[in-house]
Amino acid sequence: MSVDHAQHPEIRETARPPALHLALAREGPAAVLRVGGPLDLATVDRLVDLVDRLMGGGPPPVLVLDLSGVTFFCAAGVNALLTVRRRVASACCTLVVREPSRITVKVLDIVGLTDEFTTE
């Protein structure tokens, strides 16, 4: 039997989960961290790790967390936001949440944390 005639096993396409996109920029003295995609158990460590690195070496006076591109937000995302808030505060910085997506606002409202973050 030639290679051309051999039966090929079924090739399954596995869907990859949407990736988390993080982009860091400066706006004057503030650092702006744009977050896009899902903030879930599989992705939150990347966000927290980046904030840790940012706060570790000459932190900015203000960290703006732009959540307008967040497409999924769950308990892991809530936990990550609370962790980020603690890390930013311990570096004597101010955290501002910019334009949280509808799902982010909804989940924060459900868990009673809507007023816990400074938003713009």
PDB file of N, CA and C in Angstrom:
ATOM      1  N   MET A   1       0.857  -1.174   0.000  1.00  0.00           N
ATOM      2  CA  MET A   1       0.000   0.000   0.000  1.00  0.00           C
ATOM      3  C   MET A   1       0.895   1.227   0.000  1.00  0.00           C
ATOM      4  N   SER A   2       0.620   2.133  -0.878  1.00  0.00           N
ATOM      5  CA  SER A   2       1.406   3.362  -0.938  1.00  0.00           C
ATOM      6  C   SER A   2       0.917   4.348   0.104  1.00  0.00           C
ATOM      7  N   VAL A   3       1.724   5.342   0.326  1.00  0.00           N
ATOM      8  CA  VAL A   3       1.375   6.372   1.296  1.00  0.00           C
ATOM      9  C   VAL A   3       0.103   7.084   0.879  1.00  0.00           C
ATOM     10  N   ASP A   4      -0.074   7.251  -0.411  1.00  0.00           N
ATOM     11  CA  ASP A   4      -1.253   7.963  -0.892  1.00  0.00           C
ATOM     12  C   ASP A   4      -2.549   7.212  -0.587  1.00  0.00           C
ATOM     13  N   HIS A   5      -2.466   5.874  -0.501  1.00  0.00           N
ATOM     14  CA  HIS A   5      -3.664   5.093  -0.294  1.00  0.00           C
ATOM     15  C   HIS A   5      -3.904   4.729   1.164  1.00  0.00           C
ATOM     16  N   ALA A   6      -2.972   5.036   2.002  1.00  0.00           N
ATOM     17  CA  ALA A   6      -3.130   4.708   3.420  1.00  0.00           C
ATOM     18  C   ALA A   6      -4.238   5.557   4.021  1.00  0.00           C
ATOM     19  N   GLN A   7      -4.939   4.953   4.927  1.00  0.00           N
ATOM     20  CA  GLN A   7      -5.998   5.717   5.585  1.00  0.00           C
ATOM     21  C   GLN A   7      -5.373   6.689   6.577  1.00  0.00           C
ATOM     22  N   HIS A   8      -5.873   7.869   6.553  1.00  0.00           N
ATOM     23  CA  HIS A   8      -5.376   8.903   7.449  1.00  0.00           C
ATOM     24  C   HIS A   8      -6.295   8.987   8.666  1.00  0.00           C
ATOM     25  N   PRO A   9      -5.697   9.039   9.833  1.00  0.00           N
ATOM     26  CA  PRO A   9      -6.561   9.195  11.011  1.00  0.00           C
ATOM     27  C   PRO A   9      -7.303  10.527  10.930  1.00  0.00           C
ATOM     28  N   GLU A  10      -8.441  10.528  11.532  1.00  0.00           N
ATOM     29  CA  GLU A  10      -9.236  11.756  11.528  1.00  0.00           C
ATOM     30  C   GLU A  10      -8.471  12.858  12.253  1.00  0.00           C
ATOM     31  N   ILE A  11      -8.383  13.974  11.597  1.00  0.00           N
ATOM     32  CA  ILE A  11      -7.699  15.123  12.199  1.00  0.00           C
ATOM     33  C   ILE A  11      -8.758  15.989  12.855  1.00  0.00           C
ATOM     34  N   ARG A  12      -8.581  16.180  14.117  1.00  0.00           N
ATOM     35  CA  ARG A  12      -9.539  17.010  14.860  1.00  0.00           C
ATOM     36  C   ARG A  12      -8.962  18.393  15.052  1.00  0.00           C
ATOM     37  N   GLU A  13      -9.777  19.351  14.795  1.00  0.00           N
ATOM     38  CA  GLU A  13      -9.410  20.732  15.074  1.00  0.00           C
ATOM     39  C   GLU A  13      -9.780  21.002  16.521  1.00  0.00           C
ATOM     40  N   THR A  14      -8.825  21.415  17.295  1.00  0.00           N
ATOM     41  CA  THR A  14      -9.146  21.782  18.669  1.00  0.00           C
ATOM     42  C   THR A  14      -9.201  23.288  18.744  1.00  0.00           C
ATOM     43  N   ALA A  15     -10.261  23.765  19.296  1.00  0.00           N
ATOM     44  CA  ALA A  15     -10.428  25.211  19.421  1.00  0.00           C
ATOM     45  C   ALA A  15      -9.531  25.720  20.541  1.00  0.00           C
ATOM     46  N   ARG A  16      -8.772  26.719  20.233  1.00  0.00           N
ATOM     47  CA  ARG A  16      -7.952  27.347  21.261  1.00  0.00           C
ATOM     48  C   ARG A  16      -8.780  28.368  22.005  1.00  0.00           C
ATOM     49  N   PRO A  17      -8.597  28.422  23.301  1.00  0.00           N
ATOM     50  CA  PRO A  17      -9.329  29.452  24.040  1.00  0.00           C
ATOM     51  C   PRO A  17      -8.812  30.827  23.619  1.00  0.00           C
ATOM     52  N   PRO A  18      -9.673  31.812  23.644  1.00  0.00           N
ATOM     53  CA  PRO A  18      -9.232  33.162  23.279  1.00  0.00           C
ATOM     54  C   PRO A  18      -8.073  33.602  24.171  1.00  0.00           C
ATOM     55  N   ALA A  19      -7.137  34.272  23.571  1.00  0.00           N
ATOM     56  CA  ALA A  19      -5.942  34.709  24.300  1.00  0.00           C
ATOM     57  C   ALA A  19      -6.178  36.031  25.011  1.00  0.00           C
ATOM     58  N   LEU A  20      -5.453  36.212  26.087  1.00  0.00           N
ATOM     59  CA  LEU A  20      -5.469  37.484  26.798  1.00  0.00           C
ATOM     60  C   LEU A  20      -4.437  38.389  26.151  1.00  0.00           C
ATOM     61  N   HIS A  21      -4.831  39.604  25.845  1.00  0.00           N
ATOM     62  CA  HIS A  21      -3.930  40.575  25.249  1.00  0.00           C
ATOM     63  C   HIS A  21      -3.645  41.671  26.272  1.00  0.00           C
ATOM     64  N   LEU A  22      -2.378  41.930  26.506  1.00  0.00           N
ATOM     65  CA  LEU A  22      -1.957  42.968  27.431  1.00  0.00           C
ATOM     66  C   LEU A  22      -1.055  43.936  26.677  1.00  0.00           C
ATOM     67  N   ALA A  23      -1.324  45.226  26.820  1.00  0.00           N
ATOM     68  CA  ALA A  23      -0.499  46.242  26.176  1.00  0.00           C
ATOM     69  C   ALA A  23      -0.234  47.353  27.174  1.00  0.00           C
ATOM     70  N   LEU A  24       1.019  47.714  27.315  1.00  0.00           N
ATOM     71  CA  LEU A  24       1.420  48.731  28.282  1.00  0.00           C
ATOM     72  C   LEU A  24       1.833  49.988  27.539  1.00  0.00           C
ATOM     73  N   ALA A  25       1.325  51.125  27.987  1.00  0.00           N
ATOM     74  CA  ALA A  25       1.659  52.415  27.382  1.00  0.00           C
ATOM     75  C   ALA A  25       1.798  53.454  28.489  1.00  0.00           C
ATOM     76  N   ARG A  26       2.310  54.604  28.138  1.00  0.00           N
ATOM     77  CA  ARG A  26       2.433  55.729  29.079  1.00  0.00           C
ATOM     78  C   ARG A  26       1.504  56.850  28.658  1.00  0.00           C
ATOM     79  N   GLU A  27       0.897  57.465  29.652  1.00  0.00           N
ATOM     80  CA  GLU A  27       0.123  58.697  29.457  1.00  0.00           C
ATOM     81  C   GLU A  27       0.620  59.651  30.517  1.00  0.00           C
ATOM     82  N   GLY A  28       1.594  60.470  30.162  1.00  0.00           N
ATOM     83  CA  GLY A  28       2.228  61.335  31.145  1.00  0.00           C
ATOM     84  C   GLY A  28       2.902  60.475  32.193  1.00  0.00           C
ATOM     85  N   PRO A  29       2.658  60.760  33.463  1.00  0.00           N
ATOM     86  CA  PRO A  29       3.296  59.947  34.514  1.00  0.00           C
ATOM     87  C   PRO A  29       2.603  58.602  34.758  1.00  0.00           C
ATOM     88  N   ALA A  30       1.429  58.425  34.183  1.00  0.00           N
ATOM     89  CA  ALA A  30       0.664  57.195  34.422  1.00  0.00           C
ATOM     90  C   ALA A  30       1.064  56.089  33.450  1.00  0.00           C
ATOM     91  N   ALA A  31       1.028  54.861  33.942  1.00  0.00           N
ATOM     92  CA  ALA A  31       1.161  53.681  33.087  1.00  0.00           C
ATOM     93  C   ALA A  31      -0.248  53.188  32.794  1.00  0.00           C
ATOM     94  N   VAL A  32      -0.516  52.896  31.538  1.00  0.00           N
ATOM     95  CA  VAL A  32      -1.834  52.401  31.138  1.00  0.00           C
ATOM     96  C   VAL A  32      -1.667  50.970  30.644  1.00  0.00           C
ATOM     97  N   LEU A  33      -2.368  50.066  31.294  1.00  0.00           N
ATOM     98  CA  LEU A  33      -2.332  48.659  30.926  1.00  0.00           C
ATOM     99  C   LEU A  33      -3.673  48.298  30.312  1.00  0.00           C
ATOM    100  N   ARG A  34      -3.667  48.052  28.998  1.00  0.00           N
ATOM    101  CA  ARG A  34      -4.895  47.683  28.284  1.00  0.00           C
ATOM    102  C   ARG A  34      -5.026  46.165  28.315  1.00  0.00           C
ATOM    103  N   VAL A  35      -6.220  45.727  28.710  1.00  0.00           N
ATOM    104  CA  VAL A  35      -6.495  44.303  28.836  1.00  0.00           C
ATOM    105  C   VAL A  35      -7.585  43.939  27.834  1.00  0.00           C
ATOM    106  N   GLY A  36      -7.326  42.904  27.041  1.00  0.00           N
ATOM    107  CA  GLY A  36      -8.309  42.449  26.068  1.00  0.00           C
ATOM    108  C   GLY A  36      -8.440  40.941  26.109  1.00  0.00           C
ATOM    109  N   GLY A  37      -9.650  40.460  25.959  1.00  0.00           N
ATOM    110  CA  GLY A  37      -9.890  39.021  25.988  1.00  0.00           C
ATOM    111  C   GLY A  37     -10.442  38.582  27.329  1.00  0.00           C
ATOM    112  N   PRO A  38     -10.373  37.292  27.593  1.00  0.00           N
ATOM    113  CA  PRO A  38     -10.974  36.762  28.823  1.00  0.00           C
ATOM    114  C   PRO A  38     -10.062  36.917  30.035  1.00  0.00           C
ATOM    115  N   LEU A  39     -10.633  37.338  31.129  1.00  0.00           N
ATOM    116  CA  LEU A  39      -9.924  37.324  32.413  1.00  0.00           C
ATOM    117  C   LEU A  39     -10.521  36.170  33.201  1.00  0.00           C
ATOM    118  N   ASP A  40      -9.878  35.016  33.072  1.00  0.00           N
ATOM    119  CA  ASP A  40     -10.371  33.811  33.728  1.00  0.00           C
ATOM    120  C   ASP A  40      -9.212  33.070  34.379  1.00  0.00           C
ATOM    121  N   LEU A  41      -9.481  31.897  34.884  1.00  0.00           N
ATOM    122  CA  LEU A  41      -8.479  31.129  35.609  1.00  0.00           C
ATOM    123  C   LEU A  41      -7.231  30.858  34.763  1.00  0.00           C
ATOM    124  N   ALA A  42      -7.410  30.702  33.471  1.00  0.00           N
ATOM    125  CA  ALA A  42      -6.279  30.393  32.595  1.00  0.00           C
ATOM    126  C   ALA A  42      -5.427  31.616  32.248  1.00  0.00           C
ATOM    127  N   THR A  43      -5.937  32.821  32.481  1.00  0.00           N
ATOM    128  CA  THR A  43      -5.232  34.016  31.993  1.00  0.00           C
ATOM    129  C   THR A  43      -4.831  35.019  33.065  1.00  0.00           C
ATOM    130  N   VAL A  44      -5.452  34.969  34.236  1.00  0.00           N
ATOM    131  CA  VAL A  44      -5.234  36.038  35.218  1.00  0.00           C
ATOM    132  C   VAL A  44      -3.798  36.128  35.714  1.00  0.00           C
ATOM    133  N   ASP A  45      -3.087  34.999  35.729  1.00  0.00           N
ATOM    134  CA  ASP A  45      -1.696  35.042  36.204  1.00  0.00           C
ATOM    135  C   ASP A  45      -0.836  35.962  35.354  1.00  0.00           C
ATOM    136  N   ARG A  46      -1.104  36.015  34.058  1.00  0.00           N
ATOM    137  CA  ARG A  46      -0.337  36.912  33.187  1.00  0.00           C
ATOM    138  C   ARG A  46      -0.530  38.371  33.586  1.00  0.00           C
ATOM    139  N   LEU A  47      -1.767  38.743  33.902  1.00  0.00           N
ATOM    140  CA  LEU A  47      -2.055  40.116  34.325  1.00  0.00           C
ATOM    141  C   LEU A  47      -1.353  40.430  35.637  1.00  0.00           C
ATOM    142  N   VAL A  48      -1.515  39.566  36.621  1.00  0.00           N
ATOM    143  CA  VAL A  48      -0.921  39.805  37.939  1.00  0.00           C
ATOM    144  C   VAL A  48       0.610  39.838  37.842  1.00  0.00           C
ATOM    145  N   ASP A  49       1.189  38.934  37.056  1.00  0.00           N
ATOM    146  CA  ASP A  49       2.651  38.917  36.893  1.00  0.00           C
ATOM    147  C   ASP A  49       3.170  40.208  36.271  1.00  0.00           C
ATOM    148  N   LEU A  50       2.459  40.712  35.268  1.00  0.00           N
ATOM    149  CA  LEU A  50       2.885  41.967  34.635  1.00  0.00           C
ATOM    150  C   LEU A  50       2.789  43.128  35.623  1.00  0.00           C
ATOM    151  N   VAL A  51       1.726  43.181  36.395  1.00  0.00           N
ATOM    152  CA  VAL A  51       1.590  44.242  37.397  1.00  0.00           C
ATOM    153  C   VAL A  51       2.698  44.117  38.444  1.00  0.00           C
ATOM    154  N   ASP A  52       3.008  42.911  38.861  1.00  0.00           N
ATOM    155  CA  ASP A  52       4.097  42.708  39.826  1.00  0.00           C
ATOM    156  C   ASP A  52       5.419  43.245  39.284  1.00  0.00           C
ATOM    157  N   ARG A  53       5.717  42.936  38.029  1.00  0.00           N
ATOM    158  CA  ARG A  53       6.964  43.440  37.425  1.00  0.00           C
ATOM    159  C   ARG A  53       6.948  44.960  37.338  1.00  0.00           C
ATOM    160  N   LEU A  54       5.811  45.520  36.974  1.00  0.00           N
ATOM    161  CA  LEU A  54       5.683  46.970  36.846  1.00  0.00           C
ATOM    162  C   LEU A  54       5.846  47.659  38.198  1.00  0.00           C
ATOM    163  N   MET A  55       5.270  47.088  39.229  1.00  0.00           N
ATOM    164  CA  MET A  55       5.362  47.686  40.557  1.00  0.00           C
ATOM    165  C   MET A  55       6.730  47.453  41.194  1.00  0.00           C
ATOM    166  N   GLY A  56       7.456  46.463  40.714  1.00  0.00           N
ATOM    167  CA  GLY A  56       8.746  46.131  41.298  1.00  0.00           C
ATOM    168  C   GLY A  56       9.886  47.059  40.909  1.00  0.00           C
ATOM    169  N   GLY A  57       9.820  47.653  39.759  1.00  0.00           N
ATOM    170  CA  GLY A  57      10.941  48.473  39.307  1.00  0.00           C
ATOM    171  C   GLY A  57      10.533  49.900  39.011  1.00  0.00           C
ATOM    172  N   GLY A  58      10.633  50.763  39.988  1.00  0.00           N
ATOM    173  CA  GLY A  58      10.272  52.176  39.781  1.00  0.00           C
ATOM    174  C   GLY A  58       8.833  52.337  39.337  1.00  0.00           C
ATOM    175  N   PRO A  59       7.891  51.989  40.199  1.00  0.00           N
ATOM    176  CA  PRO A  59       6.478  52.008  39.808  1.00  0.00           C
ATOM    177  C   PRO A  59       5.993  53.411  39.456  1.00  0.00           C
ATOM    178  N   PRO A  60       5.032  53.499  38.554  1.00  0.00           N
ATOM    179  CA  PRO A  60       4.445  54.793  38.210  1.00  0.00           C
ATOM    180  C   PRO A  60       3.555  55.271  39.354  1.00  0.00           C
ATOM    181  N   PRO A  61       3.288  56.567  39.427  1.00  0.00           N
ATOM    182  CA  PRO A  61       2.399  57.052  40.489  1.00  0.00           C
ATOM    183  C   PRO A  61       0.957  56.575  40.310  1.00  0.00           C
ATOM    184  N   VAL A  62       0.569  56.318  39.040  1.00  0.00           N
ATOM    185  CA  VAL A  62      -0.792  55.878  38.740  1.00  0.00           C
ATOM    186  C   VAL A  62      -0.722  54.723  37.744  1.00  0.00           C
ATOM    187  N   LEU A  63      -1.495  53.672  38.031  1.00  0.00           N
ATOM    188  CA  LEU A  63      -1.669  52.587  37.068  1.00  0.00           C
ATOM    189  C   LEU A  63      -3.118  52.619  36.622  1.00  0.00           C
ATOM    190  N   VAL A  64      -3.314  52.828  35.334  1.00  0.00           N
ATOM    191  CA  VAL A  64      -4.646  52.809  34.751  1.00  0.00           C
ATOM    192  C   VAL A  64      -4.839  51.437  34.125  1.00  0.00           C
ATOM    193  N   LEU A  65      -5.847  50.732  34.582  1.00  0.00           N
ATOM    194  CA  LEU A  65      -6.173  49.421  34.057  1.00  0.00           C
ATOM    195  C   LEU A  65      -7.362  49.585  33.128  1.00  0.00           C
ATOM    196  N   ASP A  66      -7.094  49.553  31.828  1.00  0.00           N
ATOM    197  CA  ASP A  66      -8.143  49.732  30.818  1.00  0.00           C
ATOM    198  C   ASP A  66      -8.785  48.375  30.560  1.00  0.00           C
ATOM    199  N   LEU A  67      -9.999  48.189  31.036  1.00  0.00           N
ATOM    200  CA  LEU A  67     -10.700  46.912  30.924  1.00  0.00           C
ATOM    201  C   LEU A  67     -11.773  46.928  29.841  1.00  0.00           C
ATOM    202  N   SER A  68     -11.702  47.884  28.937  1.00  0.00           N
ATOM    203  CA  SER A  68     -12.732  48.000  27.899  1.00  0.00           C
ATOM    204  C   SER A  68     -12.746  46.807  26.952  1.00  0.00           C
ATOM    205  N   GLY A  69     -11.630  46.094  26.830  1.00  0.00           N
ATOM    206  CA  GLY A  69     -11.560  44.962  25.921  1.00  0.00           C
ATOM    207  C   GLY A  69     -11.768  43.606  26.561  1.00  0.00           C
ATOM    208  N   VAL A  70     -12.163  43.578  27.825  1.00  0.00           N
ATOM    209  CA  VAL A  70     -12.380  42.301  28.511  1.00  0.00           C
ATOM    210  C   VAL A  70     -13.675  41.670  27.978  1.00  0.00           C
ATOM    211  N   THR A  71     -13.554  40.433  27.505  1.00  0.00           N
ATOM    212  CA  THR A  71     -14.694  39.743  26.892  1.00  0.00           C
ATOM    213  C   THR A  71     -15.338  38.707  27.801  1.00  0.00           C
ATOM    214  N   PHE A  72     -14.626  38.283  28.830  1.00  0.00           N
ATOM    215  CA  PHE A  72     -15.153  37.318  29.794  1.00  0.00           C
ATOM    216  C   PHE A  72     -14.542  37.661  31.133  1.00  0.00           C
ATOM    217  N   PHE A  73     -15.355  37.595  32.174  1.00  0.00           N
ATOM    218  CA  PHE A  73     -14.899  37.989  33.505  1.00  0.00           C
ATOM    219  C   PHE A  73     -15.614  37.126  34.525  1.00  0.00           C
ATOM    220  N   CYS A  74     -14.850  36.457  35.374  1.00  0.00           N
ATOM    221  CA  CYS A  74     -15.440  35.534  36.340  1.00  0.00           C
ATOM    222  C   CYS A  74     -14.787  35.754  37.708  1.00  0.00           C
ATOM    223  N   ALA A  75     -14.997  34.829  38.618  1.00  0.00           N
ATOM    224  CA  ALA A  75     -14.448  34.950  39.970  1.00  0.00           C
ATOM    225  C   ALA A  75     -12.930  35.085  39.949  1.00  0.00           C
ATOM    226  N   ALA A  76     -12.263  34.391  39.041  1.00  0.00           N
ATOM    227  CA  ALA A  76     -10.805  34.503  38.936  1.00  0.00           C
ATOM    228  C   ALA A  76     -10.409  35.925  38.544  1.00  0.00           C
ATOM    229  N   GLY A  77     -11.190  36.555  37.697  1.00  0.00           N
ATOM    230  CA  GLY A  77     -10.939  37.943  37.310  1.00  0.00           C
ATOM    231  C   GLY A  77     -11.139  38.892  38.476  1.00  0.00           C
ATOM    232  N   VAL A  78     -12.182  38.647  39.264  1.00  0.00           N
ATOM    233  CA  VAL A  78     -12.428  39.459  40.462  1.00  0.00           C
ATOM    234  C   VAL A  78     -11.242  39.339  41.410  1.00  0.00           C
ATOM    235  N   ASN A  79     -10.809  38.109  41.639  1.00  0.00           N
ATOM    236  CA  ASN A  79      -9.669  37.864  42.519  1.00  0.00           C
ATOM    237  C   ASN A  79      -8.423  38.580  42.003  1.00  0.00           C
ATOM    238  N   ALA A  80      -8.207  38.517  40.701  1.00  0.00           N
ATOM    239  CA  ALA A  80      -7.042  39.175  40.107  1.00  0.00           C
ATOM    240  C   ALA A  80      -7.115  40.690  40.296  1.00  0.00           C
ATOM    241  N   LEU A  81      -8.291  41.276  40.122  1.00  0.00           N
ATOM    242  CA  LEU A  81      -8.429  42.726  40.329  1.00  0.00           C
ATOM    243  C   LEU A  81      -8.136  43.107  41.774  1.00  0.00           C
ATOM    244  N   LEU A  82      -8.616  42.307  42.698  1.00  0.00           N
ATOM    245  CA  LEU A  82      -8.342  42.586  44.110  1.00  0.00           C
ATOM    246  C   LEU A  82      -6.849  42.433  44.419  1.00  0.00           C
ATOM    247  N   THR A  83      -6.213  41.441  43.813  1.00  0.00           N
ATOM    248  CA  THR A  83      -4.770  41.252  43.992  1.00  0.00           C
ATOM    249  C   THR A  83      -4.001  42.425  43.406  1.00  0.00           C
ATOM    250  N   VAL A  84      -4.373  42.838  42.205  1.00  0.00           N
ATOM    251  CA  VAL A  84      -3.722  43.987  41.564  1.00  0.00           C
ATOM    252  C   VAL A  84      -3.885  45.229  42.436  1.00  0.00           C
ATOM    253  N   ARG A  85      -5.084  45.433  42.962  1.00  0.00           N
ATOM    254  CA  ARG A  85      -5.316  46.605  43.822  1.00  0.00           C
ATOM    255  C   ARG A  85      -4.394  46.585  45.038  1.00  0.00           C
ATOM    256  N   ARG A  86      -4.233  45.419  45.664  1.00  0.00           N
ATOM    257  CA  ARG A  86      -3.332  45.307  46.822  1.00  0.00           C
ATOM    258  C   ARG A  86      -1.878  45.581  46.434  1.00  0.00           C
ATOM    259  N   ARG A  87      -1.450  45.030  45.332  1.00  0.00           N
ATOM    260  CA  ARG A  87      -0.054  45.190  44.906  1.00  0.00           C
ATOM    261  C   ARG A  87       0.241  46.643  44.543  1.00  0.00           C
ATOM    262  N   VAL A  88      -0.694  47.291  43.886  1.00  0.00           N
ATOM    263  CA  VAL A  88      -0.527  48.693  43.513  1.00  0.00           C
ATOM    264  C   VAL A  88      -0.499  49.562  44.770  1.00  0.00           C
ATOM    265  N   ALA A  89      -1.395  49.309  45.701  1.00  0.00           N
ATOM    266  CA  ALA A  89      -1.432  50.082  46.949  1.00  0.00           C
ATOM    267  C   ALA A  89      -0.155  49.884  47.756  1.00  0.00           C
ATOM    268  N   SER A  90       0.372  48.658  47.785  1.00  0.00           N
ATOM    269  CA  SER A  90       1.601  48.419  48.558  1.00  0.00           C
ATOM    270  C   SER A  90       2.811  49.098  47.935  1.00  0.00           C
ATOM    271  N   ALA A  91       2.723  49.454  46.663  1.00  0.00           N
ATOM    272  CA  ALA A  91       3.798  50.205  46.000  1.00  0.00           C
ATOM    273  C   ALA A  91       3.551  51.715  46.083  1.00  0.00           C
ATOM    274  N   CYS A  92       2.547  52.111  46.891  1.00  0.00           N
ATOM    275  CA  CYS A  92       2.180  53.519  47.081  1.00  0.00           C
ATOM    276  C   CYS A  92       1.763  54.179  45.769  1.00  0.00           C
ATOM    277  N   CYS A  93       1.047  53.431  44.961  1.00  0.00           N
ATOM    278  CA  CYS A  93       0.514  53.936  43.696  1.00  0.00           C
ATOM    279  C   CYS A  93      -1.009  53.991  43.779  1.00  0.00           C
ATOM    280  N   THR A  94      -1.591  54.624  42.793  1.00  0.00           N
ATOM    281  CA  THR A  94      -3.039  54.711  42.682  1.00  0.00           C
ATOM    282  C   THR A  94      -3.493  53.853  41.521  1.00  0.00           C
ATOM    283  N   LEU A  95      -4.545  53.066  41.730  1.00  0.00           N
ATOM    284  CA  LEU A  95      -5.121  52.255  40.667  1.00  0.00           C
ATOM    285  C   LEU A  95      -6.401  52.910  40.179  1.00  0.00           C
ATOM    286  N   VAL A  96      -6.508  53.048  38.863  1.00  0.00           N
ATOM    287  CA  VAL A  96      -7.716  53.575  38.238  1.00  0.00           C
ATOM    288  C   VAL A  96      -8.169  52.555  37.199  1.00  0.00           C
ATOM    289  N   VAL A  97      -9.437  52.187  37.249  1.00  0.00           N
ATOM    290  CA  VAL A  97     -10.003  51.272  36.260  1.00  0.00           C
ATOM    291  C   VAL A  97     -10.694  52.119  35.202  1.00  0.00           C
ATOM    292  N   ARG A  98     -10.264  51.918  33.962  1.00  0.00           N
ATOM    293  CA  ARG A  98     -10.816  52.709  32.855  1.00  0.00           C
ATOM    294  C   ARG A  98     -11.782  51.863  32.032  1.00  0.00           C
ATOM    295  N   GLU A  99     -12.939  52.431  31.779  1.00  0.00           N
ATOM    296  CA  GLU A  99     -13.948  51.867  30.889  1.00  0.00           C
ATOM    297  C   GLU A  99     -14.116  50.356  31.012  1.00  0.00           C
ATOM    298  N   PRO A 100     -14.475  49.866  32.189  1.00  0.00           N
ATOM    299  CA  PRO A 100     -14.677  48.419  32.311  1.00  0.00           C
ATOM    300  C   PRO A 100     -15.780  47.953  31.361  1.00  0.00           C
ATOM    301  N   SER A 101     -15.559  46.798  30.741  1.00  0.00           N
ATOM    302  CA  SER A 101     -16.548  46.247  29.811  1.00  0.00           C
ATOM    303  C   SER A 101     -17.845  45.918  30.546  1.00  0.00           C
ATOM    304  N   ARG A 102     -18.895  45.703  29.786  1.00  0.00           N
ATOM    305  CA  ARG A 102     -20.206  45.419  30.381  1.00  0.00           C
ATOM    306  C   ARG A 102     -20.160  44.195  31.272  1.00  0.00           C
ATOM    307  N   ILE A 103     -19.466  43.137  30.838  1.00  0.00           N
ATOM    308  CA  ILE A 103     -19.409  41.917  31.642  1.00  0.00           C
ATOM    309  C   ILE A 103     -18.637  42.167  32.937  1.00  0.00           C
ATOM    310  N   THR A 104     -17.601  42.986  32.870  1.00  0.00           N
ATOM    311  CA  THR A 104     -16.828  43.306  34.068  1.00  0.00           C
ATOM    312  C   THR A 104     -17.687  44.068  35.064  1.00  0.00           C
ATOM    313  N   VAL A 105     -18.413  45.060  34.589  1.00  0.00           N
ATOM    314  CA  VAL A 105     -19.291  45.843  35.457  1.00  0.00           C
ATOM    315  C   VAL A 105     -20.367  44.956  36.069  1.00  0.00           C
ATOM    316  N   LYS A 106     -20.942  44.079  35.266  1.00  0.00           N
ATOM    317  CA  LYS A 106     -22.014  43.198  35.743  1.00  0.00           C
ATOM    318  C   LYS A 106     -21.524  42.285  36.865  1.00  0.00           C
ATOM    319  N   VAL A 107     -20.357  41.655  36.661  1.00  0.00           N
ATOM    320  CA  VAL A 107     -19.838  40.739  37.682  1.00  0.00           C
ATOM    321  C   VAL A 107     -19.451  41.501  38.946  1.00  0.00           C
ATOM    322  N   LEU A 108     -18.798  42.651  38.798  1.00  0.00           N
ATOM    323  CA  LEU A 108     -18.439  43.446  39.979  1.00  0.00           C
ATOM    324  C   LEU A 108     -19.685  43.888  40.732  1.00  0.00           C
ATOM    325  N   ASP A 109     -20.755  44.187  40.005  1.00  0.00           N
ATOM    326  CA  ASP A 109     -22.018  44.553  40.638  1.00  0.00           C
ATOM    327  C   ASP A 109     -22.605  43.364  41.399  1.00  0.00           C
ATOM    328  N   ILE A 110     -22.579  42.192  40.791  1.00  0.00           N
ATOM    329  CA  ILE A 110     -23.130  40.991  41.428  1.00  0.00           C
ATOM    330  C   ILE A 110     -22.418  40.692  42.746  1.00  0.00           C
ATOM    331  N   VAL A 111     -21.091  40.851  42.766  1.00  0.00           N
ATOM    332  CA  VAL A 111     -20.340  40.525  43.988  1.00  0.00           C
ATOM    333  C   VAL A 111     -20.206  41.720  44.935  1.00  0.00           C
ATOM    334  N   GLY A 112     -20.831  42.843  44.583  1.00  0.00           N
ATOM    335  CA  GLY A 112     -20.861  43.997  45.476  1.00  0.00           C
ATOM    336  C   GLY A 112     -19.572  44.803  45.520  1.00  0.00           C
ATOM    337  N   LEU A 113     -18.801  44.783  44.431  1.00  0.00           N
ATOM    338  CA  LEU A 113     -17.536  45.513  44.419  1.00  0.00           C
ATOM    339  C   LEU A 113     -17.515  46.698  43.453  1.00  0.00           C
ATOM    340  N   THR A 114     -18.660  47.072  42.937  1.00  0.00           N
ATOM    341  CA  THR A 114     -18.709  48.158  41.963  1.00  0.00           C
ATOM    342  C   THR A 114     -18.060  49.438  42.483  1.00  0.00           C
ATOM    343  N   ASP A 115     -18.316  49.763  43.720  1.00  0.00           N
ATOM    344  CA  ASP A 115     -17.808  51.014  44.288  1.00  0.00           C
ATOM    345  C   ASP A 115     -16.424  50.881  44.912  1.00  0.00           C
ATOM    346  N   GLU A 116     -15.811  49.729  44.816  1.00  0.00           N
ATOM    347  CA  GLU A 116     -14.509  49.489  45.435  1.00  0.00           C
ATOM    348  C   GLU A 116     -13.334  49.961  44.571  1.00  0.00           C
ATOM    349  N   PHE A 117     -13.599  50.317  43.327  1.00  0.00           N
ATOM    350  CA  PHE A 117     -12.544  50.716  42.404  1.00  0.00           C
ATOM    351  C   PHE A 117     -12.809  52.117  41.884  1.00  0.00           C
ATOM    352  N   THR A 118     -11.745  52.905  41.773  1.00  0.00           N
ATOM    353  CA  THR A 118     -11.844  54.223  41.150  1.00  0.00           C
ATOM    354  C   THR A 118     -11.928  53.996  39.660  1.00  0.00           C
ATOM    355  N   THR A 119     -12.994  54.514  39.031  1.00  0.00           N
ATOM    356  CA  THR A 119     -13.172  54.307  37.597  1.00  0.00           C
ATOM    357  C   THR A 119     -13.206  55.629  36.855  1.00  0.00           C
ATOM    358  N   GLU A 120     -12.863  55.525  35.588  1.00  0.00           N
ATOM    359  CA  GLU A 120     -12.973  56.701  34.704  1.00  0.00           C
ATOM    360  C   GLU A 120     -13.584  56.267  33.403  1.00  0.00           C
TER     361      GLU A 120
END
